[in-house]
Amino acid sequence: MSSTWLVPDKANEVGKVVLGTLHSAKGLEFRAVAIVACDDSQVPLRAALDLASEPDERRLTQDRELSLLYVGCTRARDQLLITWSGNRSRFLGSVM
């Protein structure tokens, strides 16, 4: 099966797997969604957390990362698959 990258304001090609980031999926809906690498080293994104130096800023950044995962999960109309390697993201602890 072939794939294509998710491009804003462009119709997806039928019969192709659409690849994209959680950011690029905002506002869209798909029959099935796979969120891969949802492990503790990727979600929340460590680089984003490292940029936040103050506790309040770090909490806000963590909340944004959690919201982004929520957005990705809610793009799925019928099926959602979440995968990880090693330790799953701490964000999945409350739903798994």
N, C-alpha and C. Protein backbone atom coordinates (compact mmCIF):
# COMPACT_ATOMS: atom_id res chain seq x y z
N MET A 1 0.85 -1.17 0.00
CA MET A 1 0.00 0.00 0.00
C MET A 1 0.90 1.24 0.00
N SER A 2 0.53 2.21 -0.77
CA SER A 2 1.33 3.43 -0.83
C SER A 2 0.83 4.45 0.18
N SER A 3 1.65 5.48 0.40
CA SER A 3 1.30 6.48 1.39
C SER A 3 1.50 7.88 0.83
N THR A 4 0.95 8.84 1.55
CA THR A 4 1.10 10.25 1.19
C THR A 4 1.15 11.06 2.48
N TRP A 5 1.77 12.22 2.43
CA TRP A 5 1.84 13.09 3.60
C TRP A 5 0.59 13.95 3.69
N LEU A 6 0.14 14.17 4.89
CA LEU A 6 -1.01 15.01 5.16
C LEU A 6 -0.62 16.46 4.86
N VAL A 7 -1.37 17.07 3.96
CA VAL A 7 -1.12 18.45 3.57
C VAL A 7 -2.39 19.25 3.85
N PRO A 8 -2.26 20.37 4.60
CA PRO A 8 -3.45 21.18 4.90
C PRO A 8 -4.17 21.64 3.63
N ASP A 9 -5.48 21.63 3.69
CA ASP A 9 -6.33 22.12 2.59
C ASP A 9 -6.15 21.33 1.29
N LYS A 10 -5.75 20.08 1.39
CA LYS A 10 -5.62 19.22 0.22
C LYS A 10 -6.38 17.93 0.50
N ALA A 11 -7.20 17.51 -0.44
CA ALA A 11 -7.96 16.27 -0.28
C ALA A 11 -6.99 15.08 -0.23
N ASN A 12 -7.30 14.13 0.64
CA ASN A 12 -6.48 12.93 0.74
C ASN A 12 -6.80 11.99 -0.41
N GLU A 13 -5.78 11.31 -0.90
CA GLU A 13 -5.97 10.37 -2.00
C GLU A 13 -6.58 9.08 -1.49
N VAL A 14 -7.61 8.61 -2.16
CA VAL A 14 -8.29 7.37 -1.78
C VAL A 14 -7.34 6.19 -1.98
N GLY A 15 -7.33 5.28 -1.02
CA GLY A 15 -6.53 4.08 -1.12
C GLY A 15 -5.10 4.24 -0.66
N LYS A 16 -4.75 5.39 -0.10
CA LYS A 16 -3.39 5.61 0.40
C LYS A 16 -3.42 5.83 1.91
N VAL A 17 -2.38 5.36 2.56
CA VAL A 17 -2.21 5.65 3.98
C VAL A 17 -1.73 7.08 4.09
N VAL A 18 -2.37 7.86 4.95
CA VAL A 18 -2.01 9.27 5.12
C VAL A 18 -1.13 9.38 6.37
N LEU A 19 0.05 9.94 6.21
CA LEU A 19 1.01 10.12 7.30
C LEU A 19 1.04 11.59 7.69
N GLY A 20 1.13 11.85 8.97
CA GLY A 20 1.21 13.24 9.40
C GLY A 20 1.53 13.35 10.88
N THR A 21 1.68 14.55 11.33
CA THR A 21 1.94 14.81 12.74
C THR A 21 0.62 15.04 13.46
N LEU A 22 0.68 14.99 14.78
CA LEU A 22 -0.52 15.29 15.56
C LEU A 22 -0.98 16.72 15.28
N HIS A 23 -0.03 17.63 15.12
CA HIS A 23 -0.39 19.02 14.82
C HIS A 23 -1.15 19.14 13.50
N SER A 24 -0.70 18.40 12.49
CA SER A 24 -1.32 18.53 11.17
C SER A 24 -2.69 17.87 11.09
N ALA A 25 -3.05 17.06 12.08
CA ALA A 25 -4.34 16.36 12.06
C ALA A 25 -5.46 17.16 12.72
N LYS A 26 -5.12 18.28 13.32
CA LYS A 26 -6.15 19.08 14.01
C LYS A 26 -7.29 19.43 13.07
N GLY A 27 -8.51 19.21 13.55
CA GLY A 27 -9.69 19.57 12.79
C GLY A 27 -10.11 18.57 11.74
N LEU A 28 -9.38 17.49 11.58
CA LEU A 28 -9.69 16.48 10.56
C LEU A 28 -10.26 15.23 11.21
N GLU A 29 -10.82 14.35 10.39
CA GLU A 29 -11.36 13.08 10.87
C GLU A 29 -10.95 11.99 9.90
N PHE A 30 -10.64 10.83 10.44
CA PHE A 30 -10.24 9.68 9.64
C PHE A 30 -10.98 8.46 10.14
N ARG A 31 -11.19 7.50 9.26
CA ARG A 31 -11.86 6.26 9.65
C ARG A 31 -11.04 5.54 10.70
N ALA A 32 -9.74 5.47 10.51
CA ALA A 32 -8.85 4.80 11.45
C ALA A 32 -7.60 5.65 11.65
N VAL A 33 -7.10 5.64 12.87
CA VAL A 33 -5.90 6.41 13.21
C VAL A 33 -4.96 5.50 13.99
N ALA A 34 -3.67 5.57 13.65
CA ALA A 34 -2.63 4.88 14.41
C ALA A 34 -1.67 5.94 14.95
N ILE A 35 -1.50 5.95 16.24
CA ILE A 35 -0.53 6.83 16.87
C ILE A 35 0.62 5.94 17.30
N VAL A 36 1.77 6.12 16.66
CA VAL A 36 2.91 5.25 16.91
C VAL A 36 3.94 5.96 17.78
N ALA A 37 4.75 5.19 18.45
CA ALA A 37 5.82 5.71 19.32
C ALA A 37 5.27 6.57 20.45
N CYS A 38 4.18 6.13 21.03
CA CYS A 38 3.59 6.86 22.15
C CYS A 38 4.22 6.35 23.45
N ASP A 39 5.57 6.43 23.46
CA ASP A 39 6.29 5.97 24.63
C ASP A 39 6.80 7.14 25.45
N ASP A 40 7.33 6.84 26.61
CA ASP A 40 7.70 7.87 27.56
C ASP A 40 8.79 8.81 27.05
N SER A 41 9.57 8.38 26.07
CA SER A 41 10.61 9.26 25.54
C SER A 41 10.09 10.18 24.43
N GLN A 42 8.87 9.96 23.96
CA GLN A 42 8.32 10.76 22.86
C GLN A 42 7.11 11.61 23.26
N VAL A 43 6.30 11.08 24.15
CA VAL A 43 5.06 11.78 24.54
C VAL A 43 4.99 11.82 26.06
N PRO A 44 5.11 12.95 26.69
CA PRO A 44 5.24 14.28 26.10
C PRO A 44 6.63 14.48 25.49
N LEU A 45 6.70 15.36 24.52
CA LEU A 45 7.95 15.63 23.83
C LEU A 45 8.95 16.25 24.81
N ARG A 46 10.01 15.54 25.04
CA ARG A 46 11.01 15.95 26.03
C ARG A 46 11.60 17.31 25.69
N ALA A 47 11.83 17.59 24.41
CA ALA A 47 12.41 18.87 24.01
C ALA A 47 11.50 20.03 24.40
N ALA A 48 10.19 19.85 24.28
CA ALA A 48 9.25 20.90 24.66
C ALA A 48 9.29 21.14 26.16
N LEU A 49 9.35 20.06 26.93
CA LEU A 49 9.42 20.20 28.39
C LEU A 49 10.73 20.84 28.84
N ASP A 50 11.82 20.51 28.15
CA ASP A 50 13.12 21.07 28.52
C ASP A 50 13.19 22.57 28.30
N LEU A 51 12.40 23.10 27.37
CA LEU A 51 12.40 24.54 27.12
C LEU A 51 11.69 25.32 28.23
N ALA A 52 10.85 24.63 28.97
CA ALA A 52 10.10 25.28 30.05
C ALA A 52 10.93 25.26 31.33
N SER A 53 11.34 26.42 31.77
CA SER A 53 12.22 26.47 32.94
C SER A 53 11.47 26.65 34.26
N GLU A 54 10.36 27.35 34.23
CA GLU A 54 9.58 27.60 35.45
C GLU A 54 8.54 26.49 35.64
N PRO A 55 8.21 26.15 36.88
CA PRO A 55 7.22 25.09 37.14
C PRO A 55 5.86 25.35 36.47
N ASP A 56 5.36 26.57 36.51
CA ASP A 56 4.07 26.87 35.87
C ASP A 56 4.15 26.72 34.36
N GLU A 57 5.26 27.14 33.80
CA GLU A 57 5.47 27.02 32.35
C GLU A 57 5.58 25.55 31.97
N ARG A 58 6.25 24.77 32.79
CA ARG A 58 6.39 23.33 32.53
C ARG A 58 5.03 22.63 32.60
N ARG A 59 4.21 23.02 33.57
CA ARG A 59 2.87 22.43 33.71
C ARG A 59 2.01 22.79 32.49
N LEU A 60 2.09 24.03 32.04
CA LEU A 60 1.35 24.46 30.86
C LEU A 60 1.80 23.70 29.61
N THR A 61 3.10 23.52 29.49
CA THR A 61 3.64 22.77 28.35
C THR A 61 3.18 21.32 28.40
N GLN A 62 3.18 20.73 29.58
CA GLN A 62 2.72 19.35 29.71
C GLN A 62 1.23 19.25 29.37
N ASP A 63 0.45 20.21 29.79
CA ASP A 63 -0.99 20.22 29.46
C ASP A 63 -1.19 20.33 27.95
N ARG A 64 -0.37 21.14 27.29
CA ARG A 64 -0.47 21.27 25.82
C ARG A 64 -0.12 19.96 25.13
N GLU A 65 0.90 19.29 25.64
CA GLU A 65 1.29 18.00 25.07
C GLU A 65 0.17 16.96 25.25
N LEU A 66 -0.46 16.96 26.41
CA LEU A 66 -1.58 16.05 26.65
C LEU A 66 -2.75 16.39 25.73
N SER A 67 -3.03 17.66 25.56
CA SER A 67 -4.10 18.08 24.65
C SER A 67 -3.82 17.65 23.22
N LEU A 68 -2.56 17.72 22.83
CA LEU A 68 -2.19 17.32 21.48
C LEU A 68 -2.43 15.83 21.26
N LEU A 69 -2.09 15.02 22.26
CA LEU A 69 -2.37 13.59 22.16
C LEU A 69 -3.87 13.35 22.09
N TYR A 70 -4.63 14.08 22.88
CA TYR A 70 -6.09 13.97 22.85
C TYR A 70 -6.63 14.28 21.46
N VAL A 71 -6.12 15.35 20.87
CA VAL A 71 -6.53 15.72 19.50
C VAL A 71 -6.27 14.56 18.55
N GLY A 72 -5.07 13.98 18.63
CA GLY A 72 -4.74 12.87 17.75
C GLY A 72 -5.67 11.69 17.93
N CYS A 73 -5.97 11.36 19.17
CA CYS A 73 -6.85 10.21 19.45
C CYS A 73 -8.27 10.46 18.97
N THR A 74 -8.73 11.67 19.07
CA THR A 74 -10.12 11.96 18.69
C THR A 74 -10.29 12.21 17.20
N ARG A 75 -9.24 12.04 16.41
CA ARG A 75 -9.38 12.14 14.95
C ARG A 75 -9.93 10.84 14.39
N ALA A 76 -9.91 9.78 15.17
CA ALA A 76 -10.37 8.46 14.71
C ALA A 76 -11.89 8.35 14.83
N ARG A 77 -12.54 8.05 13.72
CA ARG A 77 -13.99 7.87 13.74
C ARG A 77 -14.37 6.45 14.18
N ASP A 78 -13.68 5.43 13.65
CA ASP A 78 -14.06 4.04 13.92
C ASP A 78 -13.02 3.25 14.71
N GLN A 79 -11.73 3.46 14.42
CA GLN A 79 -10.70 2.65 15.06
C GLN A 79 -9.51 3.51 15.44
N LEU A 80 -8.94 3.20 16.61
CA LEU A 80 -7.75 3.87 17.10
C LEU A 80 -6.75 2.83 17.57
N LEU A 81 -5.51 2.94 17.09
CA LEU A 81 -4.43 2.07 17.51
C LEU A 81 -3.33 2.95 18.09
N ILE A 82 -2.87 2.64 19.30
CA ILE A 82 -1.77 3.35 19.92
C ILE A 82 -0.68 2.34 20.21
N THR A 83 0.54 2.63 19.73
CA THR A 83 1.66 1.73 19.98
C THR A 83 2.77 2.45 20.72
N TRP A 84 3.60 1.67 21.41
CA TRP A 84 4.77 2.22 22.07
C TRP A 84 5.81 1.12 22.17
N SER A 85 7.03 1.53 22.47
CA SER A 85 8.13 0.60 22.68
C SER A 85 8.74 0.94 24.03
N GLY A 86 9.01 -0.06 24.82
CA GLY A 86 9.53 0.20 26.16
C GLY A 86 8.42 0.65 27.08
N ASN A 87 8.60 1.78 27.74
CA ASN A 87 7.60 2.30 28.66
C ASN A 87 6.61 3.19 27.93
N ARG A 88 5.33 2.88 28.07
CA ARG A 88 4.31 3.71 27.43
C ARG A 88 4.32 5.11 28.06
N SER A 89 3.78 6.04 27.33
CA SER A 89 3.70 7.41 27.82
C SER A 89 2.91 7.47 29.12
N ARG A 90 3.35 8.31 30.02
CA ARG A 90 2.61 8.49 31.28
C ARG A 90 1.21 9.02 31.02
N PHE A 91 0.99 9.65 29.86
CA PHE A 91 -0.34 10.14 29.51
C PHE A 91 -1.32 9.00 29.28
N LEU A 92 -0.82 7.83 28.97
CA LEU A 92 -1.70 6.68 28.74
C LEU A 92 -2.07 5.95 30.02
N GLY A 93 -1.43 6.27 31.10
CA GLY A 93 -1.68 5.60 32.38
C GLY A 93 -3.10 5.67 32.83
N SER A 94 -3.77 6.78 32.59
CA SER A 94 -5.14 6.94 33.08
C SER A 94 -6.18 6.31 32.16
N VAL A 95 -5.78 5.90 30.95
CA VAL A 95 -6.75 5.33 30.02
C VAL A 95 -6.48 3.87 29.72
N MET A 96 -5.36 3.34 30.18
CA MET A 96 -5.00 1.95 29.84
C MET A 96 -5.17 1.06 31.06
